[in-house]
Every structure is written in structure tokens, then in C-alpha cells.
Amino acid sequence: MNIGIIGAGVMGRGVALAYAQYGHNIVLVDIEENVLEEAKKQIIRDYRFQGMYGKKCEDTIQNILGRITFTTQLENVEMCEYIIENVTENWEIKKNVYLQLNKICNENTIYAVNTSCFSITRVGALMDKPENVIGSHYMNPAHIKSTVEVIKGYHTSEKTIDTTLELLKTIEKEGVVVNDLPGFVSNRVLMLTVNEAIYLVHEGVAEAKDVDKIFKQCFGHKMGPLETADLIGLDTILFSVEVLYESYCDSKYRPCPLLKKMVNAGLLGRKSGQGFYAYNY
């Protein structure tokens, strides 16, 4: 299948590798050439190291890259049958992308919103055919994780759901269908946990490493909540918590002041080299 992937950041490049290594043709779009160049380098690194996670690919990296078109022109997704959008968690940016896609793509194109919090129904309202809009919340790293949270918007058709689930099977992933409310299942729970873990550091209850150690050694988690925050990106965490706070008007989603401070300081986690932990690349 011809798949357009919008956004070549951490999630977009992982999704691109996930599909390209199973034979799909990809148009990977980003507004910045340097992001696309970095995405290509990271795809090569991810391909080489995915064996550490028990995942192997019989195809060569040269063949995989040959299936990916790297471009800054959104118009190049015109012939794609399926679009996966991964742009930053900012409503105005997402809205602008979908208004453009509505003009570029044909009426049968399916749009998968890879979002952690925004309502799929709200995105569908921007499109001429809201029944073709569905949520597909990939987990990081997208080329490794075996399960995708699939979100049914108010107008999402059964055909769109079936197409999405079958497409996921072609890359050996399972889709779990849930209904549409901000945060869905995973992030309504995860963001609360991460934000509260940051409060523990903010209030001096424990250091980051000890918070994570308790989750890993007491509960058997592979990563602690603050390691997870660094992996996702603290800016994305803040965006997500703010959307949940606005959506539910519930004080339990109030962003921790330490989270805001770290984002303002540029301490975003792995993507910046420093978050709750330091990373050397």
C-alpha cells in the first residue's frame, strides 16, 4: 500500500520504518530538510538495533530506504491511500495540516490521527468525509511495539476500522479499538502517572532514579515513569497534560510546575540530551 506519513520526528520515522520493512511504499513528509536528514539516519540506526528487542528483518536497509520518499512537499501524498499524521500535539498545527490534506487527497483516502490526546471526532469535523478519519495511537518505539491503540471517532465507519486493523496485521501489529474521548485509555492513565511522578521529584519525596526503581523493581515495569517521560519528550508530556486539563476541567490533570520549568529550560529528555537523566549521543 502507498502510505503517507506526516511528520518525521521520533514517532514518524519509527512508523515509517515499521511499514517500509514490510514492503509498503512510504512518502515521509516534514517541513524541514534537516529533520528528514536526521530521520533517515535514525531509521538506519533503528534498523540495526531492533534485533536487541528480539525483532529481525530479512530485508536490507537499502531496500527499505528505497521504499521511502523523503520530502518537504505535502502535495506528494496525493496518491497515497492511507495517511498517518504525526505532527506535534498542537491543535492549530494539526488543523492546518488536515485542511490541506482535505484538498490534496482523494475522497477514499483514510486518515489515521496519531495523537495522544486530541479528539478524533474533532479532527473528523474538519474533513469532507469524517467517516474516513480514525485514531491510531502508536507507542514509542513504533517499529518495535506490537500493539496500537485504535480510536473510533463518532463518524468513523466500520470500513475504516477494518482497513486499519488489516493494515496493522500486515506489519505484525494488533489494533485494540476504543472509543473517542481525549486521552483515550493509554494516556488518560499514563499522563496522570507521569505527571504525579514529576510531582514526587518536585516535592522532594524521591529522586528520579528512585521513583523509577520502585516502578521497575516493585511492579515489574521495563521503564519507570520518568524514563518514559524522557523517551516521549517532556514537551509532548506537557502538551498532553494541558489538553487533558482543558478537556476535562479536572484538577487532577494540572501540570506539575517542575514539568513546565524543565520544558521552558529546554530539558526535553532524549531529544535534547537532558531531561530527568543525561544522554550522550
C-alpha atoms as a PDB file:
ATOM      1  CA  MET A   1       0.000   0.000   0.000  1.00  0.00           C
ATOM      2  CA  ASN A   2       1.077   3.598  -0.596  1.00  0.00           C
ATOM      3  CA  ILE A   3       1.185   5.297   2.802  1.00  0.00           C
ATOM      4  CA  GLY A   4       1.760   8.975   3.532  1.00  0.00           C
ATOM      5  CA  ILE A   5       3.372   9.737   6.887  1.00  0.00           C
ATOM      6  CA  ILE A   6       3.181  13.353   8.012  1.00  0.00           C
ATOM      7  CA  GLY A   7       5.872  14.400  10.470  1.00  0.00           C
ATOM      8  CA  ALA A   8       9.368  12.866  10.518  1.00  0.00           C
ATOM      9  CA  GLY A   9      10.126  13.240  14.216  1.00  0.00           C
ATOM     10  CA  VAL A  10      10.628  10.396  16.691  1.00  0.00           C
ATOM     11  CA  MET A  11       7.227   8.854  16.046  1.00  0.00           C
ATOM     12  CA  GLY A  12       7.024   9.486  12.305  1.00  0.00           C
ATOM     13  CA  ARG A  13      10.344   7.882  11.474  1.00  0.00           C
ATOM     14  CA  GLY A  14       9.511   4.874  13.664  1.00  0.00           C
ATOM     15  CA  VAL A  15       6.186   4.403  11.878  1.00  0.00           C
ATOM     16  CA  ALA A  16       7.943   4.797   8.500  1.00  0.00           C
ATOM     17  CA  LEU A  17      10.397   2.017   9.341  1.00  0.00           C
ATOM     18  CA  ALA A  18       7.608  -0.180  10.703  1.00  0.00           C
ATOM     19  CA  TYR A  19       5.756  -0.102   7.369  1.00  0.00           C
ATOM     20  CA  ALA A  20       8.661   0.126   4.907  1.00  0.00           C
ATOM     21  CA  GLN A  21      10.336  -3.010   6.234  1.00  0.00           C
ATOM     22  CA  TYR A  22       7.151  -4.938   5.459  1.00  0.00           C
ATOM     23  CA  GLY A  23       7.044  -3.826   1.836  1.00  0.00           C
ATOM     24  CA  HIS A  24       4.831  -0.743   1.940  1.00  0.00           C
ATOM     25  CA  ASN A  25       5.759   2.341  -0.066  1.00  0.00           C
ATOM     26  CA  ILE A  26       6.123   5.423   2.125  1.00  0.00           C
ATOM     27  CA  VAL A  27       6.015   9.160   1.484  1.00  0.00           C
ATOM     28  CA  LEU A  28       7.550  10.722   4.607  1.00  0.00           C
ATOM     29  CA  VAL A  29       6.801  14.450   4.861  1.00  0.00           C
ATOM     30  CA  ASP A  30       8.268  17.114   7.101  1.00  0.00           C
ATOM     31  CA  ILE A  31       8.573  20.889   6.755  1.00  0.00           C
ATOM     32  CA  GLU A  32      12.323  20.865   7.452  1.00  0.00           C
ATOM     33  CA  GLU A  33      15.039  19.198   5.352  1.00  0.00           C
ATOM     34  CA  ASN A  34      17.306  18.739   8.362  1.00  0.00           C
ATOM     35  CA  VAL A  35      14.570  16.785  10.167  1.00  0.00           C
ATOM     36  CA  LEU A  36      14.239  14.492   7.155  1.00  0.00           C
ATOM     37  CA  GLU A  37      18.003  14.000   7.029  1.00  0.00           C
ATOM     38  CA  GLU A  38      18.077  13.119  10.717  1.00  0.00           C
ATOM     39  CA  ALA A  39      15.078  10.802  10.230  1.00  0.00           C
ATOM     40  CA  LYS A  40      16.967   8.873   7.540  1.00  0.00           C
ATOM     41  CA  LYS A  41      19.995   8.460   9.828  1.00  0.00           C
ATOM     42  CA  GLN A  42      17.800   7.364  12.732  1.00  0.00           C
ATOM     43  CA  ILE A  43      15.911   4.847  10.577  1.00  0.00           C
ATOM     44  CA  ILE A  44      19.262   3.254   9.721  1.00  0.00           C
ATOM     45  CA  ARG A  45      20.216   3.145  13.422  1.00  0.00           C
ATOM     46  CA  ASP A  46      16.826   1.769  14.462  1.00  0.00           C
ATOM     47  CA  TYR A  47      17.021  -0.928  11.777  1.00  0.00           C
ATOM     48  CA  ARG A  48      20.436  -2.028  13.057  1.00  0.00           C
ATOM     49  CA  PHE A  49      19.495  -2.110  16.726  1.00  0.00           C
ATOM     50  CA  GLN A  50      15.984  -3.567  16.582  1.00  0.00           C
ATOM     51  CA  GLY A  51      17.495  -7.026  16.995  1.00  0.00           C
ATOM     52  CA  MET A  52      18.222  -6.042  20.594  1.00  0.00           C
ATOM     53  CA  TYR A  53      14.442  -6.067  21.109  1.00  0.00           C
ATOM     54  CA  GLY A  54      14.076  -9.503  19.526  1.00  0.00           C
ATOM     55  CA  LYS A  55      12.818  -8.121  16.221  1.00  0.00           C
ATOM     56  CA  LYS A  56      14.603  -9.044  12.998  1.00  0.00           C
ATOM     57  CA  CYS A  57      14.025  -8.053   9.383  1.00  0.00           C
ATOM     58  CA  GLU A  58      15.094 -10.199   6.437  1.00  0.00           C
ATOM     59  CA  ASP A  59      15.229  -7.249   4.043  1.00  0.00           C
ATOM     60  CA  THR A  60      18.228  -4.939   3.638  1.00  0.00           C
ATOM     61  CA  ILE A  61      18.298  -1.350   4.812  1.00  0.00           C
ATOM     62  CA  GLN A  62      18.999  -0.277   1.221  1.00  0.00           C
ATOM     63  CA  ASN A  63      15.733  -1.846   0.048  1.00  0.00           C
ATOM     64  CA  ILE A  64      13.837  -0.375   2.981  1.00  0.00           C
ATOM     65  CA  LEU A  65      15.143   3.156   2.325  1.00  0.00           C
ATOM     66  CA  GLY A  66      14.317   2.649  -1.346  1.00  0.00           C
ATOM     67  CA  ARG A  67      10.651   2.397  -0.396  1.00  0.00           C
ATOM     68  CA  ILE A  68      10.701   5.712   1.497  1.00  0.00           C
ATOM     69  CA  THR A  69      10.391   9.044  -0.294  1.00  0.00           C
ATOM     70  CA  PHE A  70      11.652  11.878   1.912  1.00  0.00           C
ATOM     71  CA  THR A  71      10.002  15.182   1.015  1.00  0.00           C
ATOM     72  CA  THR A  72       9.049  18.625   2.306  1.00  0.00           C
ATOM     73  CA  GLN A  73       6.103  18.837  -0.110  1.00  0.00           C
ATOM     74  CA  LEU A  74       2.785  17.790   1.406  1.00  0.00           C
ATOM     75  CA  GLU A  75       1.338  17.546  -2.118  1.00  0.00           C
ATOM     76  CA  ASN A  76       3.421  14.408  -2.666  1.00  0.00           C
ATOM     77  CA  VAL A  77       0.955  12.340  -0.607  1.00  0.00           C
ATOM     78  CA  GLU A  78      -1.734  12.927  -3.243  1.00  0.00           C
ATOM     79  CA  MET A  79      -1.704   9.315  -4.466  1.00  0.00           C
ATOM     80  CA  CYS A  80      -1.430   7.717  -1.019  1.00  0.00           C
ATOM     81  CA  GLU A  81      -4.360   5.534   0.012  1.00  0.00           C
ATOM     82  CA  TYR A  82      -3.662   5.847   3.718  1.00  0.00           C
ATOM     83  CA  ILE A  83      -2.297   8.811   5.689  1.00  0.00           C
ATOM     84  CA  ILE A  84      -0.738   8.589   9.161  1.00  0.00           C
ATOM     85  CA  GLU A  85      -0.335  12.022  10.734  1.00  0.00           C
ATOM     86  CA  ASN A  86       2.265  12.503  13.475  1.00  0.00           C
ATOM     87  CA  VAL A  87       2.721  16.257  13.763  1.00  0.00           C
ATOM     88  CA  THR A  88       3.285  17.938  17.102  1.00  0.00           C
ATOM     89  CA  GLU A  89       0.487  17.962  19.679  1.00  0.00           C
ATOM     90  CA  ASN A  90      -0.669  21.467  18.833  1.00  0.00           C
ATOM     91  CA  TRP A  91      -4.241  21.888  17.642  1.00  0.00           C
ATOM     92  CA  GLU A  92      -3.643  24.796  15.256  1.00  0.00           C
ATOM     93  CA  ILE A  93      -0.803  22.942  13.538  1.00  0.00           C
ATOM     94  CA  LYS A  94      -2.847  19.753  13.211  1.00  0.00           C
ATOM     95  CA  LYS A  95      -5.883  21.661  11.987  1.00  0.00           C
ATOM     96  CA  ASN A  96      -3.881  23.352   9.236  1.00  0.00           C
ATOM     97  CA  VAL A  97      -2.427  20.025   8.071  1.00  0.00           C
ATOM     98  CA  TYR A  98      -5.857  18.398   7.778  1.00  0.00           C
ATOM     99  CA  LEU A  99      -7.371  21.344   5.945  1.00  0.00           C
ATOM    100  CA  GLN A 100      -4.589  20.991   3.385  1.00  0.00           C
ATOM    101  CA  LEU A 101      -4.946  17.212   3.156  1.00  0.00           C
ATOM    102  CA  ASN A 102      -8.677  17.618   2.581  1.00  0.00           C
ATOM    103  CA  LYS A 103      -7.841  19.466  -0.650  1.00  0.00           C
ATOM    104  CA  ILE A 104      -4.908  17.286  -1.737  1.00  0.00           C
ATOM    105  CA  CYS A 105      -6.143  13.716  -1.253  1.00  0.00           C
ATOM    106  CA  ASN A 106      -8.976  11.855  -2.956  1.00  0.00           C
ATOM    107  CA  GLU A 107     -12.308  11.066  -1.339  1.00  0.00           C
ATOM    108  CA  ASN A 108     -11.378   7.469  -0.463  1.00  0.00           C
ATOM    109  CA  THR A 109      -8.209   8.306   1.460  1.00  0.00           C
ATOM    110  CA  ILE A 110      -8.170   7.165   5.080  1.00  0.00           C
ATOM    111  CA  TYR A 111      -6.634   9.470   7.691  1.00  0.00           C
ATOM    112  CA  ALA A 112      -5.105   7.980  10.837  1.00  0.00           C
ATOM    113  CA  VAL A 113      -4.533  10.569  13.559  1.00  0.00           C
ATOM    114  CA  ASN A 114      -1.510   9.513  15.619  1.00  0.00           C
ATOM    115  CA  THR A 115      -2.288  11.583  18.679  1.00  0.00           C
ATOM    116  CA  SER A 116      -2.013  11.025  22.392  1.00  0.00           C
ATOM    117  CA  CYS A 117      -4.908  13.241  23.455  1.00  0.00           C
ATOM    118  CA  PHE A 118      -6.819  15.141  20.750  1.00  0.00           C
ATOM    119  CA  SER A 119     -10.369  14.067  19.929  1.00  0.00           C
ATOM    120  CA  ILE A 120     -10.663  12.057  16.700  1.00  0.00           C
ATOM    121  CA  THR A 121     -14.203  13.368  16.257  1.00  0.00           C
ATOM    122  CA  ARG A 122     -12.850  16.927  16.377  1.00  0.00           C
ATOM    123  CA  VAL A 123     -10.350  16.137  13.621  1.00  0.00           C
ATOM    124  CA  GLY A 124     -13.027  14.387  11.564  1.00  0.00           C
ATOM    125  CA  ALA A 125     -15.168  17.520  11.664  1.00  0.00           C
ATOM    126  CA  LEU A 126     -12.510  19.262   9.548  1.00  0.00           C
ATOM    127  CA  MET A 127     -12.854  16.789   6.688  1.00  0.00           C
ATOM    128  CA  ASP A 128     -15.353  16.301   3.876  1.00  0.00           C
ATOM    129  CA  LYS A 129     -15.621  12.617   4.805  1.00  0.00           C
ATOM    130  CA  PRO A 130     -15.293  12.290   8.596  1.00  0.00           C
ATOM    131  CA  GLU A 131     -16.098   8.594   8.290  1.00  0.00           C
ATOM    132  CA  ASN A 132     -12.596   8.158   6.846  1.00  0.00           C
ATOM    133  CA  VAL A 133     -10.889   9.554   9.963  1.00  0.00           C
ATOM    134  CA  ILE A 134      -9.650   7.233  12.699  1.00  0.00           C
ATOM    135  CA  GLY A 135      -7.193   7.421  15.569  1.00  0.00           C
ATOM    136  CA  SER A 136      -4.074   5.259  15.605  1.00  0.00           C
ATOM    137  CA  HIS A 137      -2.002   5.823  18.723  1.00  0.00           C
ATOM    138  CA  TYR A 138       1.358   4.128  18.156  1.00  0.00           C
ATOM    139  CA  MET A 139       3.601   3.587  21.156  1.00  0.00           C
ATOM    140  CA  ASN A 140       7.274   4.513  21.168  1.00  0.00           C
ATOM    141  CA  PRO A 141       9.358   2.920  19.677  1.00  0.00           C
ATOM    142  CA  ALA A 142       6.744   2.483  16.956  1.00  0.00           C
ATOM    143  CA  HIS A 143       8.722  -0.066  14.913  1.00  0.00           C
ATOM    144  CA  ILE A 144       9.083  -2.345  17.944  1.00  0.00           C
ATOM    145  CA  LYS A 145       5.826  -2.161  19.902  1.00  0.00           C
ATOM    146  CA  SER A 146       3.362  -4.864  18.876  1.00  0.00           C
ATOM    147  CA  THR A 147       0.080  -3.137  19.751  1.00  0.00           C
ATOM    148  CA  VAL A 148      -1.612   0.072  18.580  1.00  0.00           C
ATOM    149  CA  GLU A 149      -4.487   1.865  20.301  1.00  0.00           C
ATOM    150  CA  VAL A 150      -7.100   2.408  17.573  1.00  0.00           C
ATOM    151  CA  ILE A 151      -9.696   5.091  18.288  1.00  0.00           C
ATOM    152  CA  LYS A 152     -13.162   5.191  16.758  1.00  0.00           C
ATOM    153  CA  GLY A 153     -14.471   8.724  16.259  1.00  0.00           C
ATOM    154  CA  TYR A 154     -18.182   9.485  16.273  1.00  0.00           C
ATOM    155  CA  HIS A 155     -18.394   9.213  12.460  1.00  0.00           C
ATOM    156  CA  THR A 156     -15.652   6.629  11.846  1.00  0.00           C
ATOM    157  CA  SER A 157     -17.020   3.891   9.577  1.00  0.00           C
ATOM    158  CA  GLU A 158     -16.664   0.147  10.108  1.00  0.00           C
ATOM    159  CA  LYS A 159     -14.859   0.010   6.751  1.00  0.00           C
ATOM    160  CA  THR A 160     -12.245   2.452   8.028  1.00  0.00           C
ATOM    161  CA  ILE A 161     -11.808   0.428  11.219  1.00  0.00           C
ATOM    162  CA  ASP A 162     -11.487  -2.857   9.296  1.00  0.00           C
ATOM    163  CA  THR A 163      -8.989  -1.363   6.833  1.00  0.00           C
ATOM    164  CA  THR A 164      -6.875  -0.032   9.692  1.00  0.00           C
ATOM    165  CA  LEU A 165      -6.860  -3.327  11.595  1.00  0.00           C
ATOM    166  CA  GLU A 166      -5.967  -5.285   8.455  1.00  0.00           C
ATOM    167  CA  LEU A 167      -3.183  -2.829   7.611  1.00  0.00           C
ATOM    168  CA  LEU A 168      -1.724  -3.242  11.099  1.00  0.00           C
ATOM    169  CA  LYS A 169      -1.734  -7.015  10.656  1.00  0.00           C
ATOM    170  CA  THR A 170       0.487  -6.635   7.586  1.00  0.00           C
ATOM    171  CA  ILE A 171       3.232  -5.274   9.877  1.00  0.00           C
ATOM    172  CA  GLU A 172       2.530  -7.827  12.615  1.00  0.00           C
ATOM    173  CA  LYS A 173       0.777  -5.412  14.950  1.00  0.00           C
ATOM    174  CA  GLU A 174      -2.540  -5.777  16.733  1.00  0.00           C
ATOM    175  CA  GLY A 175      -5.014  -2.925  16.981  1.00  0.00           C
ATOM    176  CA  VAL A 176      -7.175  -2.525  20.085  1.00  0.00           C
ATOM    177  CA  VAL A 177     -10.289  -0.465  19.293  1.00  0.00           C
ATOM    178  CA  VAL A 178     -11.505   2.030  21.902  1.00  0.00           C
ATOM    179  CA  ASN A 179     -13.975   4.900  21.831  1.00  0.00           C
ATOM    180  CA  ASP A 180     -13.145   8.569  21.467  1.00  0.00           C
ATOM    181  CA  LEU A 181     -12.591  10.757  24.500  1.00  0.00           C
ATOM    182  CA  PRO A 182      -9.436  12.880  24.998  1.00  0.00           C
ATOM    183  CA  GLY A 183      -6.542  10.729  26.170  1.00  0.00           C
ATOM    184  CA  PHE A 184      -8.417   7.541  25.225  1.00  0.00           C
ATOM    185  CA  VAL A 185      -7.248   4.684  27.501  1.00  0.00           C
ATOM    186  CA  SER A 186      -3.454   4.801  27.483  1.00  0.00           C
ATOM    187  CA  ASN A 187      -2.813   8.481  28.007  1.00  0.00           C
ATOM    188  CA  ARG A 188      -5.591   9.173  30.487  1.00  0.00           C
ATOM    189  CA  VAL A 189      -3.734   6.774  32.767  1.00  0.00           C
ATOM    190  CA  LEU A 190      -0.130   7.255  31.611  1.00  0.00           C
ATOM    191  CA  MET A 191      -0.092  11.062  31.734  1.00  0.00           C
ATOM    192  CA  LEU A 192      -1.588  11.061  35.223  1.00  0.00           C
ATOM    193  CA  THR A 193       1.132   8.654  36.342  1.00  0.00           C
ATOM    194  CA  VAL A 194       3.978  10.592  34.714  1.00  0.00           C
ATOM    195  CA  ASN A 195       2.734  13.961  35.967  1.00  0.00           C
ATOM    196  CA  GLU A 196       2.327  12.636  39.515  1.00  0.00           C
ATOM    197  CA  ALA A 197       5.803  11.076  39.370  1.00  0.00           C
ATOM    198  CA  ILE A 198       7.179  14.502  38.439  1.00  0.00           C
ATOM    199  CA  TYR A 199       5.354  15.963  41.448  1.00  0.00           C
ATOM    200  CA  LEU A 200       7.210  13.434  43.636  1.00  0.00           C
ATOM    201  CA  VAL A 201      10.527  14.871  42.439  1.00  0.00           C
ATOM    202  CA  HIS A 202       9.199  18.446  42.628  1.00  0.00           C
ATOM    203  CA  GLU A 203       8.109  17.974  46.255  1.00  0.00           C
ATOM    204  CA  GLY A 204      11.331  16.216  47.282  1.00  0.00           C
ATOM    205  CA  VAL A 205       9.691  12.889  48.065  1.00  0.00           C
ATOM    206  CA  ALA A 206      12.263  10.983  45.994  1.00  0.00           C
ATOM    207  CA  GLU A 207      14.901  11.406  43.317  1.00  0.00           C
ATOM    208  CA  ALA A 208      14.006  10.472  39.732  1.00  0.00           C
ATOM    209  CA  LYS A 209      16.113   7.294  39.768  1.00  0.00           C
ATOM    210  CA  ASP A 210      14.408   6.057  42.919  1.00  0.00           C
ATOM    211  CA  VAL A 211      10.908   6.763  41.599  1.00  0.00           C
ATOM    212  CA  ASP A 212      11.751   4.725  38.509  1.00  0.00           C
ATOM    213  CA  LYS A 213      13.446   1.982  40.526  1.00  0.00           C
ATOM    214  CA  ILE A 214      10.249   1.394  42.531  1.00  0.00           C
ATOM    215  CA  PHE A 215       8.167   1.030  39.366  1.00  0.00           C
ATOM    216  CA  LYS A 216      10.688  -1.307  37.758  1.00  0.00           C
ATOM    217  CA  GLN A 217      11.611  -3.462  40.726  1.00  0.00           C
ATOM    218  CA  CYS A 218       8.324  -3.476  42.633  1.00  0.00           C
ATOM    219  CA  PHE A 219       5.871  -3.537  39.719  1.00  0.00           C
ATOM    220  CA  GLY A 220       7.991  -5.157  37.015  1.00  0.00           C
ATOM    221  CA  HIS A 221       7.784  -2.248  34.582  1.00  0.00           C
ATOM    222  CA  LYS A 222      10.501  -2.229  31.914  1.00  0.00           C
ATOM    223  CA  MET A 223      10.829   1.544  32.279  1.00  0.00           C
ATOM    224  CA  GLY A 224       9.927   3.887  35.110  1.00  0.00           C
ATOM    225  CA  PRO A 225       7.528   6.828  34.534  1.00  0.00           C
ATOM    226  CA  LEU A 226      10.325   9.417  34.394  1.00  0.00           C
ATOM    227  CA  GLU A 227      12.403   7.345  31.971  1.00  0.00           C
ATOM    228  CA  THR A 228       9.238   7.072  29.898  1.00  0.00           C
ATOM    229  CA  ALA A 229       8.757  10.846  30.061  1.00  0.00           C
ATOM    230  CA  ASP A 230      12.294  11.386  28.764  1.00  0.00           C
ATOM    231  CA  LEU A 231      11.654   8.916  25.936  1.00  0.00           C
ATOM    232  CA  ILE A 232       8.391  10.562  24.865  1.00  0.00           C
ATOM    233  CA  GLY A 233       9.706  14.108  25.312  1.00  0.00           C
ATOM    234  CA  LEU A 234       8.787  16.409  28.197  1.00  0.00           C
ATOM    235  CA  ASP A 235       7.341  18.954  25.767  1.00  0.00           C
ATOM    236  CA  THR A 236       4.949  16.291  24.467  1.00  0.00           C
ATOM    237  CA  ILE A 237       4.087  15.289  28.027  1.00  0.00           C
ATOM    238  CA  LEU A 238       3.251  18.903  28.859  1.00  0.00           C
ATOM    239  CA  PHE A 239       1.146  19.334  25.708  1.00  0.00           C
ATOM    240  CA  SER A 240      -0.777  16.157  26.537  1.00  0.00           C
ATOM    241  CA  VAL A 241      -1.422  17.035  30.186  1.00  0.00           C
ATOM    242  CA  GLU A 242      -2.581  20.530  29.210  1.00  0.00           C
ATOM    243  CA  VAL A 243      -5.019  19.091  26.651  1.00  0.00           C
ATOM    244  CA  LEU A 244      -6.422  16.699  29.258  1.00  0.00           C
ATOM    245  CA  TYR A 245      -6.706  19.532  31.805  1.00  0.00           C
ATOM    246  CA  GLU A 246      -8.563  21.694  29.281  1.00  0.00           C
ATOM    247  CA  SER A 247     -10.762  18.833  28.041  1.00  0.00           C
ATOM    248  CA  TYR A 248     -11.982  17.571  31.417  1.00  0.00           C
ATOM    249  CA  CYS A 249     -11.637  20.717  33.583  1.00  0.00           C
ATOM    250  CA  ASP A 250     -10.360  18.372  36.277  1.00  0.00           C
ATOM    251  CA  SER A 251      -7.598  19.491  38.629  1.00  0.00           C
ATOM    252  CA  LYS A 252      -6.074  16.004  38.687  1.00  0.00           C
ATOM    253  CA  TYR A 253      -4.538  16.848  35.287  1.00  0.00           C
ATOM    254  CA  ARG A 254      -2.873  20.070  36.490  1.00  0.00           C
ATOM    255  CA  PRO A 255       0.678  20.170  35.031  1.00  0.00           C
ATOM    256  CA  CYS A 256       3.441  19.999  37.613  1.00  0.00           C
ATOM    257  CA  PRO A 257       5.393  23.291  37.889  1.00  0.00           C
ATOM    258  CA  LEU A 258       8.655  21.329  37.548  1.00  0.00           C
ATOM    259  CA  LEU A 259       7.458  19.925  34.213  1.00  0.00           C
ATOM    260  CA  LYS A 260       6.748  23.433  32.919  1.00  0.00           C
ATOM    261  CA  LYS A 261      10.098  24.685  34.194  1.00  0.00           C
ATOM    262  CA  MET A 262      12.048  21.889  32.507  1.00  0.00           C
ATOM    263  CA  VAL A 263      10.279  22.422  29.177  1.00  0.00           C
ATOM    264  CA  ASN A 264      10.947  26.171  29.351  1.00  0.00           C
ATOM    265  CA  ALA A 265      14.617  25.377  30.031  1.00  0.00           C
ATOM    266  CA  GLY A 266      14.818  23.090  27.002  1.00  0.00           C
ATOM    267  CA  LEU A 267      15.313  19.965  29.114  1.00  0.00           C
ATOM    268  CA  LEU A 268      13.097  17.767  26.968  1.00  0.00           C
ATOM    269  CA  GLY A 269      14.586  14.324  27.574  1.00  0.00           C
ATOM    270  CA  ARG A 270      16.272  12.131  24.993  1.00  0.00           C
ATOM    271  CA  LYS A 271      15.544  14.509  22.111  1.00  0.00           C
ATOM    272  CA  SER A 272      17.558  17.315  23.740  1.00  0.00           C
ATOM    273  CA  GLY A 273      20.127  15.148  25.521  1.00  0.00           C
ATOM    274  CA  GLN A 274      18.962  16.107  29.017  1.00  0.00           C
ATOM    275  CA  GLY A 275      15.761  15.537  30.949  1.00  0.00           C
ATOM    276  CA  PHE A 276      15.472  13.693  34.221  1.00  0.00           C
ATOM    277  CA  TYR A 277      18.570  11.874  33.000  1.00  0.00           C
ATOM    278  CA  ALA A 278      21.543  12.843  30.819  1.00  0.00           C
ATOM    279  CA  TYR A 279      22.020  11.224  27.395  1.00  0.00           C
ATOM    280  CA  ASN A 280      25.252  11.134  25.433  1.00  0.00           C
ATOM    281  CA  TYR A 281      24.992  10.627  21.696  1.00  0.00           C
END
